[in-house]
Every structure is written in C-alpha cells, then in structure tokens.
Amino acid sequence: MKYAIEVRGLVKSFGEVRALDGVDLGAAPGTVLGLLGPNGAGKTTAVRVLSTLTLPDAGTARVLGLDVAADAAKVRERLSLTGQYAGLDAALTGEQNLVLIARLLGASRSQARSRAHELIERFELAHAASRPVEGYSGGMRRRLDLAASIVRRPEVLVLDEPTTGLDPSSRTGLWAVVRELVAEGTTVLLTTQYLEEADQLADAIAVIDKGRVIASGSPTQLKQAVGGLVLRMRPARPDALRQLAELANWSVGAAPRIEHDEVAVPVAHPGEATAVMARVVQAGTDLAAFGLHEPTLDEVFLTLTGHRTETEHDERKAEAAA
C-alpha cells in the first residue's frame, strides 16, 4: 500500500526518557489516522518528528514519500500543523491574520484577500472577520487557527488535540470541517484525548503507550479485539455500588469496574448479562438504570493500556528538560 504518512522503527529519547521506542505508523492518502495514548505515551513527540520540528534518533518517517529529516523543507511545503494552542496574532483581526499568512506563503495581495474571504465564509467567521482575535471565543480561535493551517491547501494536515477545551457545538463544527478536508483528498493525522472524536473521525487508529504502538486498526476492529459486551448498571442508592459489583462477580465470575455512579460488567454474551440481572433482582437491589452495550473505544483503550486518556504534560516536560 502507498502511504501518505509512513513511520518505521522510529526512536527518540530525551535524556533517560525514551519517548518513542520503535514506532510504526501508516496512513493511506485521503484518510484520518487517529493517534491515541495515555499521558507521556509519545504522541506529541511523534507529531513533532513528522512536522520536522524534532529529528529522530533512529528509524524513518516519510510524508508523501519525503524523508522528514533529509527533505524537511519539501515536507513543510506540503504539510500543515495545527497545535494545541492557536498560533495567531491576537492584535490583528481574523481577516488580517489570514491575509498575512497567505502573503508570507507567496500569494499576491488580491490572491491573499480572496483566499482569506473564502476561508472566513467556510469557517463561519464572517461576523467576526474585522474584529481583533483577542476578543474571539475559544471555538472561534480554533476555527481561525484551522483556517490558517489550510491557507495553502495542505496535502497532509497534522492536528494535535485540536478540540481540547471546546464546547460540544464548537467541537462538532470542527469535526465537520475535518470531514470536508478529507473528502477533498487531505490526509489527516489526529491526536486527541477524546475517544468519541477518534471514533467519529478516524479511519484507522494507533494506540501508543510508553513509546510503542500496542494496537492498531479501525475503530470497529479495535472494539472487536477486546470482544464481548458490557452490562452497565446504576443503582438507585449510591451506597449499593460495591454490593452490585459483588453480585455481578458472583454471577458470572466477571471482573466488574466501578465507574463513577455505575458498575460496568464485561460479559461474553447476552446470557451472562441475564444471569447477572437475575442475581440482582433476587438480591432485591434496586436499579436506576441498566443497559447492554458494545465496548466503547474508551473501554478498549483502558483494556489495552490500563489507563484512561490524559493530556501529555509529562512528555512535554521531558522534552523541554532535554
């Protein structure tokens, strides 16, 4: 298969911290590759290597067939990066930011204005185009930042946790834009701490932990790899959580998890869920809610890594200290 993004045996260390330990990745043209991992897993380091911001210690990383180390300048011409924090001039208006970037990329004045107006309309920012960015909401800044990333219509777009901190409406809006870009042929590498985001957008997912890829495949394939179903029960009384977990364990020998105000019980088939529910009814434990579900991507992640997704402060701290 021909890959738009191809990583083989990538290694990167910062002092004694081995951020990447032989990572392999591949993203087909015009698809979204989701990169998931817990705190300090190596996601941000992988992004920095692919974006030519950090040189690897070993292994290869290619973008559109170009080596990120040997052909860094050519890679930058064809790739855009949207980091976690908007790279905008807060004193300029939204339109001025886009015009400035277009001019820096070699567009004429008329071309820059035309492209800025096109992007402002596309990202629904016309009402704020003439206002300084310092007055924009978080969602507006993220939309403008993404617009700035595609001024030159990149063939590959790297999104490093693009919707962190956004409200659900703004997040959904950005998802729509990403889908449009992919439909036009752009390849996207997406790191995210939102499992729902990866489930919604990614054609393929790589789960990275302690610098290594520990699982990869489509969202459906990863869910199937964990197998089974999940019975979720919420007791009418919060103090009955532990009793509910013990009842589930006695019924089918499962390993129930107490998660906030409910008990999650992995079961191999609906018959096991029925056995658990029969034991709960027999014990007289009242339930406020219950349901049988397929594993979520969050449960897949927890099963594979033993962690839930987190931000990567430790990884950046190690890199800064190196």
C-alpha atoms as a PDB file:
ATOM      1  CA  MET A   1       0.000   0.000   0.000  1.00  0.00           C
ATOM      2  CA  LYS A   2       1.133   3.531  -0.768  1.00  0.00           C
ATOM      3  CA  TYR A   3       1.130   5.694   2.357  1.00  0.00           C
ATOM      4  CA  ALA A   4       0.830   9.463   2.710  1.00  0.00           C
ATOM      5  CA  ILE A   5       2.375   9.103   6.186  1.00  0.00           C
ATOM      6  CA  GLU A   6       4.778   6.237   6.841  1.00  0.00           C
ATOM      7  CA  VAL A   7       6.806   5.697  10.011  1.00  0.00           C
ATOM      8  CA  ARG A   8       9.112   2.730  10.556  1.00  0.00           C
ATOM      9  CA  GLY A   9      11.101   1.906  13.693  1.00  0.00           C
ATOM     10  CA  LEU A  10      11.033   5.495  14.959  1.00  0.00           C
ATOM     11  CA  VAL A  11      13.131   6.128  18.068  1.00  0.00           C
ATOM     12  CA  LYS A  12      13.507   9.365  20.028  1.00  0.00           C
ATOM     13  CA  SER A  13      14.903   9.898  23.516  1.00  0.00           C
ATOM     14  CA  PHE A  14      15.146  12.943  25.762  1.00  0.00           C
ATOM     15  CA  GLY A  15      17.802  12.221  28.300  1.00  0.00           C
ATOM     16  CA  GLU A  16      16.770   8.996  30.023  1.00  0.00           C
ATOM     17  CA  VAL A  17      13.187   9.246  28.749  1.00  0.00           C
ATOM     18  CA  ARG A  18      12.585   7.108  25.642  1.00  0.00           C
ATOM     19  CA  ALA A  19       9.612   8.942  24.163  1.00  0.00           C
ATOM     20  CA  LEU A  20       9.470   6.771  21.010  1.00  0.00           C
ATOM     21  CA  ASP A  21      10.695   3.192  21.088  1.00  0.00           C
ATOM     22  CA  GLY A  22      10.414   1.705  17.603  1.00  0.00           C
ATOM     23  CA  VAL A  23       7.114   3.200  16.445  1.00  0.00           C
ATOM     24  CA  ASP A  24       5.496   2.056  13.165  1.00  0.00           C
ATOM     25  CA  LEU A  25       2.612   4.029  11.646  1.00  0.00           C
ATOM     26  CA  GLY A  26       0.906   4.260   8.275  1.00  0.00           C
ATOM     27  CA  ALA A  27      -1.847   6.488   6.892  1.00  0.00           C
ATOM     28  CA  ALA A  28      -3.312   5.976   3.431  1.00  0.00           C
ATOM     29  CA  PRO A  29      -3.920   9.085   1.275  1.00  0.00           C
ATOM     30  CA  GLY A  30      -7.197  10.864   1.982  1.00  0.00           C
ATOM     31  CA  THR A  31      -7.805   9.196   5.354  1.00  0.00           C
ATOM     32  CA  VAL A  32      -7.661  10.115   9.044  1.00  0.00           C
ATOM     33  CA  LEU A  33      -5.166   8.313  11.280  1.00  0.00           C
ATOM     34  CA  GLY A  34      -6.009   8.735  14.957  1.00  0.00           C
ATOM     35  CA  LEU A  35      -3.113   8.545  17.414  1.00  0.00           C
ATOM     36  CA  LEU A  36      -4.238   7.717  20.946  1.00  0.00           C
ATOM     37  CA  GLY A  37      -2.231   7.183  24.099  1.00  0.00           C
ATOM     38  CA  PRO A  38      -2.050   7.972  27.812  1.00  0.00           C
ATOM     39  CA  ASN A  39      -0.024  10.677  29.499  1.00  0.00           C
ATOM     40  CA  GLY A  40       3.598  10.577  28.254  1.00  0.00           C
ATOM     41  CA  ALA A  41       2.903   7.892  25.634  1.00  0.00           C
ATOM     42  CA  GLY A  42       4.841   9.644  22.853  1.00  0.00           C
ATOM     43  CA  LYS A  43       2.077  11.172  20.731  1.00  0.00           C
ATOM     44  CA  THR A  44       3.367  14.728  20.768  1.00  0.00           C
ATOM     45  CA  THR A  45       6.925  13.598  20.048  1.00  0.00           C
ATOM     46  CA  ALA A  46       5.659  11.664  17.008  1.00  0.00           C
ATOM     47  CA  VAL A  47       3.833  14.784  15.824  1.00  0.00           C
ATOM     48  CA  ARG A  48       6.959  16.904  16.224  1.00  0.00           C
ATOM     49  CA  VAL A  49       9.066  14.425  14.261  1.00  0.00           C
ATOM     50  CA  LEU A  50       6.544  14.211  11.414  1.00  0.00           C
ATOM     51  CA  SER A  51       6.280  18.013  11.341  1.00  0.00           C
ATOM     52  CA  THR A  52      10.100  18.346  11.020  1.00  0.00           C
ATOM     53  CA  LEU A  53      10.316  20.115  14.392  1.00  0.00           C
ATOM     54  CA  THR A  54      12.343  17.324  16.030  1.00  0.00           C
ATOM     55  CA  LEU A  55      14.902  14.968  14.493  1.00  0.00           C
ATOM     56  CA  PRO A  56      14.543  11.258  15.295  1.00  0.00           C
ATOM     57  CA  ASP A  57      17.409   9.290  16.818  1.00  0.00           C
ATOM     58  CA  ALA A  58      16.721   6.252  14.640  1.00  0.00           C
ATOM     59  CA  GLY A  59      14.172   4.901  12.183  1.00  0.00           C
ATOM     60  CA  THR A  60      12.483   6.666   9.288  1.00  0.00           C
ATOM     61  CA  ALA A  61       9.494   8.956   8.895  1.00  0.00           C
ATOM     62  CA  ARG A  62       8.149   9.872   5.467  1.00  0.00           C
ATOM     63  CA  VAL A  63       5.422  12.302   4.440  1.00  0.00           C
ATOM     64  CA  LEU A  64       4.226  11.868   0.846  1.00  0.00           C
ATOM     65  CA  GLY A  65       7.356   9.833   0.204  1.00  0.00           C
ATOM     66  CA  LEU A  66       9.668  12.557   1.525  1.00  0.00           C
ATOM     67  CA  ASP A  67      12.026  11.853   4.404  1.00  0.00           C
ATOM     68  CA  VAL A  68      11.288  14.312   7.230  1.00  0.00           C
ATOM     69  CA  ALA A  69      14.986  14.664   8.046  1.00  0.00           C
ATOM     70  CA  ALA A  70      16.602  14.714   4.596  1.00  0.00           C
ATOM     71  CA  ASP A  71      13.777  16.587   2.838  1.00  0.00           C
ATOM     72  CA  ALA A  72      12.482  18.770   5.670  1.00  0.00           C
ATOM     73  CA  ALA A  73      11.973  21.902   3.530  1.00  0.00           C
ATOM     74  CA  LYS A  74       9.924  19.981   0.936  1.00  0.00           C
ATOM     75  CA  VAL A  75       7.862  18.329   3.678  1.00  0.00           C
ATOM     76  CA  ARG A  76       6.979  21.745   5.136  1.00  0.00           C
ATOM     77  CA  GLU A  77       5.725  22.875   1.728  1.00  0.00           C
ATOM     78  CA  ARG A  78       3.149  20.075   1.695  1.00  0.00           C
ATOM     79  CA  LEU A  79       2.225  19.668   5.370  1.00  0.00           C
ATOM     80  CA  SER A  80       0.460  21.926   7.875  1.00  0.00           C
ATOM     81  CA  LEU A  81       0.359  21.630  11.651  1.00  0.00           C
ATOM     82  CA  THR A  82      -2.356  22.844  13.985  1.00  0.00           C
ATOM     83  CA  GLY A  83      -1.068  22.615  17.537  1.00  0.00           C
ATOM     84  CA  GLN A  84      -2.982  22.661  20.789  1.00  0.00           C
ATOM     85  CA  TYR A  85      -2.658  26.428  21.136  1.00  0.00           C
ATOM     86  CA  ALA A  86      -3.740  28.834  18.420  1.00  0.00           C
ATOM     87  CA  GLY A  87      -0.778  30.372  16.594  1.00  0.00           C
ATOM     88  CA  LEU A  88      -2.470  33.683  15.852  1.00  0.00           C
ATOM     89  CA  ASP A  89      -1.648  37.356  16.317  1.00  0.00           C
ATOM     90  CA  ALA A  90      -4.262  38.454  18.843  1.00  0.00           C
ATOM     91  CA  ALA A  91      -3.847  42.147  17.939  1.00  0.00           C
ATOM     92  CA  LEU A  92      -4.815  41.553  14.296  1.00  0.00           C
ATOM     93  CA  THR A  93      -8.313  40.856  13.024  1.00  0.00           C
ATOM     94  CA  GLY A  94      -9.283  37.420  11.796  1.00  0.00           C
ATOM     95  CA  GLU A  95      -9.074  38.545   8.191  1.00  0.00           C
ATOM     96  CA  GLN A  96      -5.709  40.237   8.709  1.00  0.00           C
ATOM     97  CA  ASN A  97      -4.272  37.036  10.203  1.00  0.00           C
ATOM     98  CA  LEU A  98      -5.279  35.005   7.155  1.00  0.00           C
ATOM     99  CA  VAL A  99      -4.088  37.635   4.676  1.00  0.00           C
ATOM    100  CA  LEU A 100      -0.743  37.863   6.483  1.00  0.00           C
ATOM    101  CA  ILE A 101      -0.199  34.099   6.310  1.00  0.00           C
ATOM    102  CA  ALA A 102      -1.192  33.973   2.640  1.00  0.00           C
ATOM    103  CA  ARG A 103       1.249  36.779   1.825  1.00  0.00           C
ATOM    104  CA  LEU A 104       4.037  35.036   3.735  1.00  0.00           C
ATOM    105  CA  LEU A 105       3.355  31.966   1.622  1.00  0.00           C
ATOM    106  CA  GLY A 106       3.849  33.965  -1.569  1.00  0.00           C
ATOM    107  CA  ALA A 107       0.323  34.963  -2.567  1.00  0.00           C
ATOM    108  CA  SER A 108      -0.314  38.345  -4.180  1.00  0.00           C
ATOM    109  CA  ARG A 109      -2.426  40.911  -2.331  1.00  0.00           C
ATOM    110  CA  SER A 110      -5.526  40.073  -4.335  1.00  0.00           C
ATOM    111  CA  GLN A 111      -4.943  36.331  -4.007  1.00  0.00           C
ATOM    112  CA  ALA A 112      -4.413  36.675  -0.248  1.00  0.00           C
ATOM    113  CA  ARG A 113      -7.633  38.668   0.234  1.00  0.00           C
ATOM    114  CA  SER A 114      -9.591  36.245  -1.930  1.00  0.00           C
ATOM    115  CA  ARG A 115      -8.340  33.198  -0.016  1.00  0.00           C
ATOM    116  CA  ALA A 116      -8.962  34.907   3.337  1.00  0.00           C
ATOM    117  CA  HIS A 117     -12.559  35.734   2.381  1.00  0.00           C
ATOM    118  CA  GLU A 118     -13.113  32.163   1.146  1.00  0.00           C
ATOM    119  CA  LEU A 119     -11.875  30.675   4.429  1.00  0.00           C
ATOM    120  CA  ILE A 120     -13.776  33.163   6.587  1.00  0.00           C
ATOM    121  CA  GLU A 121     -17.006  32.107   4.902  1.00  0.00           C
ATOM    122  CA  ARG A 122     -16.137  28.417   5.064  1.00  0.00           C
ATOM    123  CA  PHE A 123     -15.417  28.563   8.790  1.00  0.00           C
ATOM    124  CA  GLU A 124     -18.457  30.763   9.548  1.00  0.00           C
ATOM    125  CA  LEU A 125     -16.403  33.699  10.840  1.00  0.00           C
ATOM    126  CA  ALA A 126     -17.786  36.474   8.635  1.00  0.00           C
ATOM    127  CA  HIS A 127     -19.468  38.169  11.605  1.00  0.00           C
ATOM    128  CA  ALA A 128     -16.100  38.497  13.373  1.00  0.00           C
ATOM    129  CA  ALA A 129     -13.692  38.909  10.448  1.00  0.00           C
ATOM    130  CA  SER A 130     -12.991  42.579  11.182  1.00  0.00           C
ATOM    131  CA  ARG A 131     -12.616  42.142  14.949  1.00  0.00           C
ATOM    132  CA  PRO A 132      -9.273  41.626  16.759  1.00  0.00           C
ATOM    133  CA  VAL A 133      -8.649  37.970  17.573  1.00  0.00           C
ATOM    134  CA  GLU A 134      -8.100  38.826  21.244  1.00  0.00           C
ATOM    135  CA  GLY A 135     -11.876  39.157  21.535  1.00  0.00           C
ATOM    136  CA  TYR A 136     -12.649  35.775  19.965  1.00  0.00           C
ATOM    137  CA  SER A 137     -14.106  32.866  21.923  1.00  0.00           C
ATOM    138  CA  GLY A 138     -12.131  29.639  22.231  1.00  0.00           C
ATOM    139  CA  GLY A 139     -14.152  27.968  19.491  1.00  0.00           C
ATOM    140  CA  MET A 140     -13.709  30.910  17.124  1.00  0.00           C
ATOM    141  CA  ARG A 141      -9.950  30.929  17.700  1.00  0.00           C
ATOM    142  CA  ARG A 142      -9.710  27.218  16.954  1.00  0.00           C
ATOM    143  CA  ARG A 143     -11.701  27.631  13.734  1.00  0.00           C
ATOM    144  CA  LEU A 144      -9.493  30.530  12.663  1.00  0.00           C
ATOM    145  CA  ASP A 145      -6.352  28.566  13.569  1.00  0.00           C
ATOM    146  CA  LEU A 146      -7.508  25.644  11.445  1.00  0.00           C
ATOM    147  CA  ALA A 147      -8.350  28.048   8.614  1.00  0.00           C
ATOM    148  CA  ALA A 148      -4.811  29.429   8.853  1.00  0.00           C
ATOM    149  CA  SER A 149      -3.459  25.881   8.541  1.00  0.00           C
ATOM    150  CA  ILE A 150      -5.141  25.340   5.188  1.00  0.00           C
ATOM    151  CA  VAL A 151      -4.429  28.694   3.554  1.00  0.00           C
ATOM    152  CA  ARG A 152      -2.094  26.737   1.257  1.00  0.00           C
ATOM    153  CA  ARG A 153      -4.380  23.675   0.976  1.00  0.00           C
ATOM    154  CA  PRO A 154      -2.028  21.112   2.529  1.00  0.00           C
ATOM    155  CA  GLU A 155      -1.853  17.552   1.281  1.00  0.00           C
ATOM    156  CA  VAL A 156      -1.203  16.406   4.855  1.00  0.00           C
ATOM    157  CA  LEU A 157      -2.667  18.086   7.941  1.00  0.00           C
ATOM    158  CA  VAL A 158      -1.469  17.282  11.461  1.00  0.00           C
ATOM    159  CA  LEU A 159      -3.970  18.119  14.207  1.00  0.00           C
ATOM    160  CA  ASP A 160      -2.596  17.897  17.740  1.00  0.00           C
ATOM    161  CA  GLU A 161      -5.614  17.734  20.075  1.00  0.00           C
ATOM    162  CA  PRO A 162      -7.481  20.379  18.035  1.00  0.00           C
ATOM    163  CA  THR A 163     -10.684  20.463  20.106  1.00  0.00           C
ATOM    164  CA  THR A 164      -9.295  20.408  23.654  1.00  0.00           C
ATOM    165  CA  GLY A 165     -11.323  22.761  25.830  1.00  0.00           C
ATOM    166  CA  LEU A 166     -14.039  23.436  23.249  1.00  0.00           C
ATOM    167  CA  ASP A 167     -17.745  23.185  23.942  1.00  0.00           C
ATOM    168  CA  PRO A 168     -19.679  20.371  22.194  1.00  0.00           C
ATOM    169  CA  SER A 169     -21.081  22.673  19.498  1.00  0.00           C
ATOM    170  CA  SER A 170     -17.658  24.052  18.532  1.00  0.00           C
ATOM    171  CA  ARG A 171     -16.187  20.544  18.569  1.00  0.00           C
ATOM    172  CA  THR A 172     -18.890  19.252  16.241  1.00  0.00           C
ATOM    173  CA  GLY A 173     -18.281  22.178  13.892  1.00  0.00           C
ATOM    174  CA  LEU A 174     -14.583  21.395  13.666  1.00  0.00           C
ATOM    175  CA  TRP A 175     -15.351  17.740  13.005  1.00  0.00           C
ATOM    176  CA  ALA A 176     -17.441  18.804  10.005  1.00  0.00           C
ATOM    177  CA  VAL A 177     -14.548  20.848   8.608  1.00  0.00           C
ATOM    178  CA  VAL A 178     -12.107  17.941   9.032  1.00  0.00           C
ATOM    179  CA  ARG A 179     -14.504  15.645   7.162  1.00  0.00           C
ATOM    180  CA  GLU A 180     -14.716  18.185   4.323  1.00  0.00           C
ATOM    181  CA  LEU A 181     -10.924  18.373   4.053  1.00  0.00           C
ATOM    182  CA  VAL A 182     -10.600  14.594   3.944  1.00  0.00           C
ATOM    183  CA  ALA A 183     -13.322  14.397   1.276  1.00  0.00           C
ATOM    184  CA  GLU A 184     -11.188  16.789  -0.791  1.00  0.00           C
ATOM    185  CA  GLY A 185      -8.193  14.462  -0.505  1.00  0.00           C
ATOM    186  CA  THR A 186      -6.273  15.751   2.516  1.00  0.00           C
ATOM    187  CA  THR A 187      -4.630  13.144   4.759  1.00  0.00           C
ATOM    188  CA  VAL A 188      -5.025  13.903   8.477  1.00  0.00           C
ATOM    189  CA  LEU A 189      -3.004  12.765  11.472  1.00  0.00           C
ATOM    190  CA  LEU A 190      -5.132  13.408  14.558  1.00  0.00           C
ATOM    191  CA  THR A 191      -4.045  13.160  18.179  1.00  0.00           C
ATOM    192  CA  THR A 192      -6.872  13.518  20.648  1.00  0.00           C
ATOM    193  CA  GLN A 193      -7.818  12.847  24.254  1.00  0.00           C
ATOM    194  CA  TYR A 194     -11.467  12.421  23.232  1.00  0.00           C
ATOM    195  CA  LEU A 195     -12.242   8.811  22.379  1.00  0.00           C
ATOM    196  CA  GLU A 196     -15.515   9.882  20.775  1.00  0.00           C
ATOM    197  CA  GLU A 197     -13.549  12.172  18.453  1.00  0.00           C
ATOM    198  CA  ALA A 198     -11.373   9.310  17.228  1.00  0.00           C
ATOM    199  CA  ASP A 199     -14.437   7.105  16.824  1.00  0.00           C
ATOM    200  CA  GLN A 200     -16.179   9.796  14.773  1.00  0.00           C
ATOM    201  CA  LEU A 201     -13.284  10.840  12.526  1.00  0.00           C
ATOM    202  CA  ALA A 202     -10.580   8.180  12.271  1.00  0.00           C
ATOM    203  CA  ASP A 203     -10.425   5.574   9.512  1.00  0.00           C
ATOM    204  CA  ALA A 204      -7.594   3.894  11.418  1.00  0.00           C
ATOM    205  CA  ILE A 205      -6.309   4.209  14.974  1.00  0.00           C
ATOM    206  CA  ALA A 206      -2.919   3.500  16.512  1.00  0.00           C
ATOM    207  CA  VAL A 207      -2.792   3.136  20.296  1.00  0.00           C
ATOM    208  CA  ILE A 208       0.609   4.155  21.643  1.00  0.00           C
ATOM    209  CA  ASP A 209       1.831   3.514  25.192  1.00  0.00           C
ATOM    210  CA  LYS A 210       5.320   4.027  26.644  1.00  0.00           C
ATOM    211  CA  GLY A 211       6.676   4.919  23.227  1.00  0.00           C
ATOM    212  CA  ARG A 212       5.372   1.820  21.435  1.00  0.00           C
ATOM    213  CA  VAL A 213       2.336   1.077  19.292  1.00  0.00           C
ATOM    214  CA  ILE A 214       0.459  -1.614  21.193  1.00  0.00           C
ATOM    215  CA  ALA A 215      -2.586  -1.920  18.921  1.00  0.00           C
ATOM    216  CA  SER A 216      -3.792  -0.622  15.575  1.00  0.00           C
ATOM    217  CA  GLY A 217      -6.759  -0.988  13.256  1.00  0.00           C
ATOM    218  CA  SER A 218     -10.109   0.607  12.525  1.00  0.00           C
ATOM    219  CA  PRO A 219     -12.303   1.643  15.478  1.00  0.00           C
ATOM    220  CA  THR A 220     -14.511  -1.380  14.800  1.00  0.00           C
ATOM    221  CA  GLN A 221     -11.551  -3.765  14.661  1.00  0.00           C
ATOM    222  CA  LEU A 222     -10.192  -2.496  17.970  1.00  0.00           C
ATOM    223  CA  LYS A 223     -13.567  -2.927  19.644  1.00  0.00           C
ATOM    224  CA  GLN A 224     -13.863  -6.464  18.268  1.00  0.00           C
ATOM    225  CA  ALA A 225     -10.364  -7.272  19.533  1.00  0.00           C
ATOM    226  CA  VAL A 226     -11.493  -6.612  23.100  1.00  0.00           C
ATOM    227  CA  GLY A 227     -14.574  -8.741  22.442  1.00  0.00           C
ATOM    228  CA  GLY A 228     -17.802  -9.297  24.294  1.00  0.00           C
ATOM    229  CA  LEU A 229     -20.359  -6.823  25.574  1.00  0.00           C
ATOM    230  CA  VAL A 230     -20.606  -4.523  28.569  1.00  0.00           C
ATOM    231  CA  LEU A 231     -23.516  -4.542  31.024  1.00  0.00           C
ATOM    232  CA  ARG A 232     -23.840  -1.169  32.733  1.00  0.00           C
ATOM    233  CA  MET A 233     -25.926  -0.823  35.903  1.00  0.00           C
ATOM    234  CA  ARG A 234     -26.584   2.245  38.033  1.00  0.00           C
ATOM    235  CA  PRO A 235     -28.039   1.528  41.482  1.00  0.00           C
ATOM    236  CA  ALA A 236     -30.864   3.596  42.886  1.00  0.00           C
ATOM    237  CA  ARG A 237     -28.738   4.152  46.012  1.00  0.00           C
ATOM    238  CA  PRO A 238     -25.067   5.205  45.542  1.00  0.00           C
ATOM    239  CA  ASP A 239     -24.018   3.181  48.595  1.00  0.00           C
ATOM    240  CA  ALA A 240     -25.078  -0.007  46.768  1.00  0.00           C
ATOM    241  CA  LEU A 241     -22.316   0.245  44.133  1.00  0.00           C
ATOM    242  CA  ARG A 242     -19.967  -2.222  45.806  1.00  0.00           C
ATOM    243  CA  GLN A 243     -22.765  -4.692  46.530  1.00  0.00           C
ATOM    244  CA  LEU A 244     -23.800  -4.510  42.866  1.00  0.00           C
ATOM    245  CA  ALA A 245     -20.234  -5.249  41.741  1.00  0.00           C
ATOM    246  CA  GLU A 246     -20.038  -8.259  44.089  1.00  0.00           C
ATOM    247  CA  LEU A 247     -23.336  -9.621  42.778  1.00  0.00           C
ATOM    248  CA  ALA A 248     -22.027  -9.391  39.208  1.00  0.00           C
ATOM    249  CA  ASN A 249     -18.811 -11.166  40.156  1.00  0.00           C
ATOM    250  CA  TRP A 250     -20.661 -13.982  41.921  1.00  0.00           C
ATOM    251  CA  SER A 251     -22.993 -14.460  38.936  1.00  0.00           C
ATOM    252  CA  VAL A 252     -20.520 -14.950  36.081  1.00  0.00           C
ATOM    253  CA  GLY A 253     -17.050 -14.587  37.572  1.00  0.00           C
ATOM    254  CA  ALA A 254     -16.575 -11.333  35.681  1.00  0.00           C
ATOM    255  CA  ALA A 255     -14.286  -8.502  36.714  1.00  0.00           C
ATOM    256  CA  PRO A 256     -16.691  -5.610  37.213  1.00  0.00           C
ATOM    257  CA  ARG A 257     -15.469  -1.996  37.294  1.00  0.00           C
ATOM    258  CA  ILE A 258     -16.978   0.751  39.418  1.00  0.00           C
ATOM    259  CA  GLU A 259     -17.030   3.880  37.261  1.00  0.00           C
ATOM    260  CA  HIS A 260     -18.412   6.996  38.919  1.00  0.00           C
ATOM    261  CA  ASP A 261     -22.043   6.143  39.718  1.00  0.00           C
ATOM    262  CA  GLU A 262     -22.371   2.843  37.854  1.00  0.00           C
ATOM    263  CA  VAL A 263     -20.950  -0.658  37.577  1.00  0.00           C
ATOM    264  CA  ALA A 264     -19.589  -1.892  34.226  1.00  0.00           C
ATOM    265  CA  VAL A 265     -19.529  -5.676  33.788  1.00  0.00           C
ATOM    266  CA  PRO A 266     -17.811  -7.288  30.770  1.00  0.00           C
ATOM    267  CA  VAL A 267     -19.873 -10.256  29.575  1.00  0.00           C
ATOM    268  CA  ALA A 268     -19.197 -12.732  26.775  1.00  0.00           C
ATOM    269  CA  HIS A 269     -22.811 -12.906  25.538  1.00  0.00           C
ATOM    270  CA  PRO A 270     -26.347 -11.710  26.461  1.00  0.00           C
ATOM    271  CA  GLY A 271     -26.959 -14.867  28.513  1.00  0.00           C
ATOM    272  CA  GLU A 272     -24.334 -13.795  31.029  1.00  0.00           C
ATOM    273  CA  ALA A 273     -25.990 -10.383  31.304  1.00  0.00           C
ATOM    274  CA  THR A 274     -29.300 -12.152  32.020  1.00  0.00           C
ATOM    275  CA  ALA A 275     -27.633 -14.186  34.796  1.00  0.00           C
ATOM    276  CA  VAL A 276     -26.263 -11.027  36.385  1.00  0.00           C
ATOM    277  CA  MET A 277     -29.635  -9.278  36.233  1.00  0.00           C
ATOM    278  CA  ALA A 278     -31.372 -12.329  37.750  1.00  0.00           C
ATOM    279  CA  ARG A 279     -28.940 -12.273  40.693  1.00  0.00           C
ATOM    280  CA  VAL A 280     -29.500  -8.534  41.169  1.00  0.00           C
ATOM    281  CA  VAL A 281     -33.287  -8.980  41.187  1.00  0.00           C
ATOM    282  CA  GLN A 282     -33.012 -11.921  43.590  1.00  0.00           C
ATOM    283  CA  ALA A 283     -30.926  -9.801  45.964  1.00  0.00           C
ATOM    284  CA  GLY A 284     -33.548  -7.028  45.891  1.00  0.00           C
ATOM    285  CA  THR A 285     -31.101  -4.357  44.699  1.00  0.00           C
ATOM    286  CA  ASP A 286     -32.985  -1.528  43.040  1.00  0.00           C
ATOM    287  CA  LEU A 287     -31.548  -0.071  39.812  1.00  0.00           C
ATOM    288  CA  ALA A 288     -31.971   3.434  38.473  1.00  0.00           C
ATOM    289  CA  ALA A 289     -30.752   2.404  35.011  1.00  0.00           C
ATOM    290  CA  PHE A 290     -29.176  -0.527  33.185  1.00  0.00           C
ATOM    291  CA  GLY A 291     -28.243  -1.477  29.627  1.00  0.00           C
ATOM    292  CA  LEU A 292     -26.187  -3.839  27.474  1.00  0.00           C
ATOM    293  CA  HIS A 293     -23.690  -2.178  25.132  1.00  0.00           C
ATOM    294  CA  GLU A 294     -20.884  -2.947  22.727  1.00  0.00           C
ATOM    295  CA  PRO A 295     -17.458  -1.938  24.093  1.00  0.00           C
ATOM    296  CA  THR A 296     -16.704   1.738  23.635  1.00  0.00           C
ATOM    297  CA  LEU A 297     -13.359   2.954  22.338  1.00  0.00           C
ATOM    298  CA  ASP A 298     -12.716   4.243  25.860  1.00  0.00           C
ATOM    299  CA  GLU A 299     -13.096   0.705  27.233  1.00  0.00           C
ATOM    300  CA  VAL A 300     -10.800  -0.622  24.505  1.00  0.00           C
ATOM    301  CA  PHE A 301      -8.218   1.970  25.471  1.00  0.00           C
ATOM    302  CA  LEU A 302      -8.496   1.128  29.170  1.00  0.00           C
ATOM    303  CA  THR A 303      -8.169  -2.598  28.467  1.00  0.00           C
ATOM    304  CA  LEU A 304      -5.083  -2.148  26.277  1.00  0.00           C
ATOM    305  CA  THR A 305      -3.167   0.374  28.381  1.00  0.00           C
ATOM    306  CA  GLY A 306      -4.543   0.167  31.910  1.00  0.00           C
ATOM    307  CA  HIS A 307      -5.010   3.948  31.705  1.00  0.00           C
ATOM    308  CA  ARG A 308      -7.612   6.373  30.516  1.00  0.00           C
ATOM    309  CA  THR A 309      -6.597   9.070  28.041  1.00  0.00           C
ATOM    310  CA  GLU A 310      -4.891  12.098  29.511  1.00  0.00           C
ATOM    311  CA  THR A 311      -3.002  15.129  28.284  1.00  0.00           C
ATOM    312  CA  GLU A 312       0.734  14.851  27.701  1.00  0.00           C
ATOM    313  CA  HIS A 313       2.268  17.266  30.191  1.00  0.00           C
ATOM    314  CA  ASP A 314       4.894  14.755  31.348  1.00  0.00           C
ATOM    315  CA  GLU A 315       6.045  14.081  27.798  1.00  0.00           C
ATOM    316  CA  ARG A 316       6.490  17.772  27.023  1.00  0.00           C
ATOM    317  CA  LYS A 317       8.214  18.284  30.355  1.00  0.00           C
ATOM    318  CA  ALA A 318      10.747  15.578  29.486  1.00  0.00           C
ATOM    319  CA  GLU A 319      11.329  17.104  26.059  1.00  0.00           C
ATOM    320  CA  ALA A 320      11.814  20.611  27.486  1.00  0.00           C
ATOM    321  CA  ALA A 321      14.305  19.307  30.025  1.00  0.00           C
ATOM    322  CA  ALA A 322      16.392  17.504  27.410  1.00  0.00           C
END
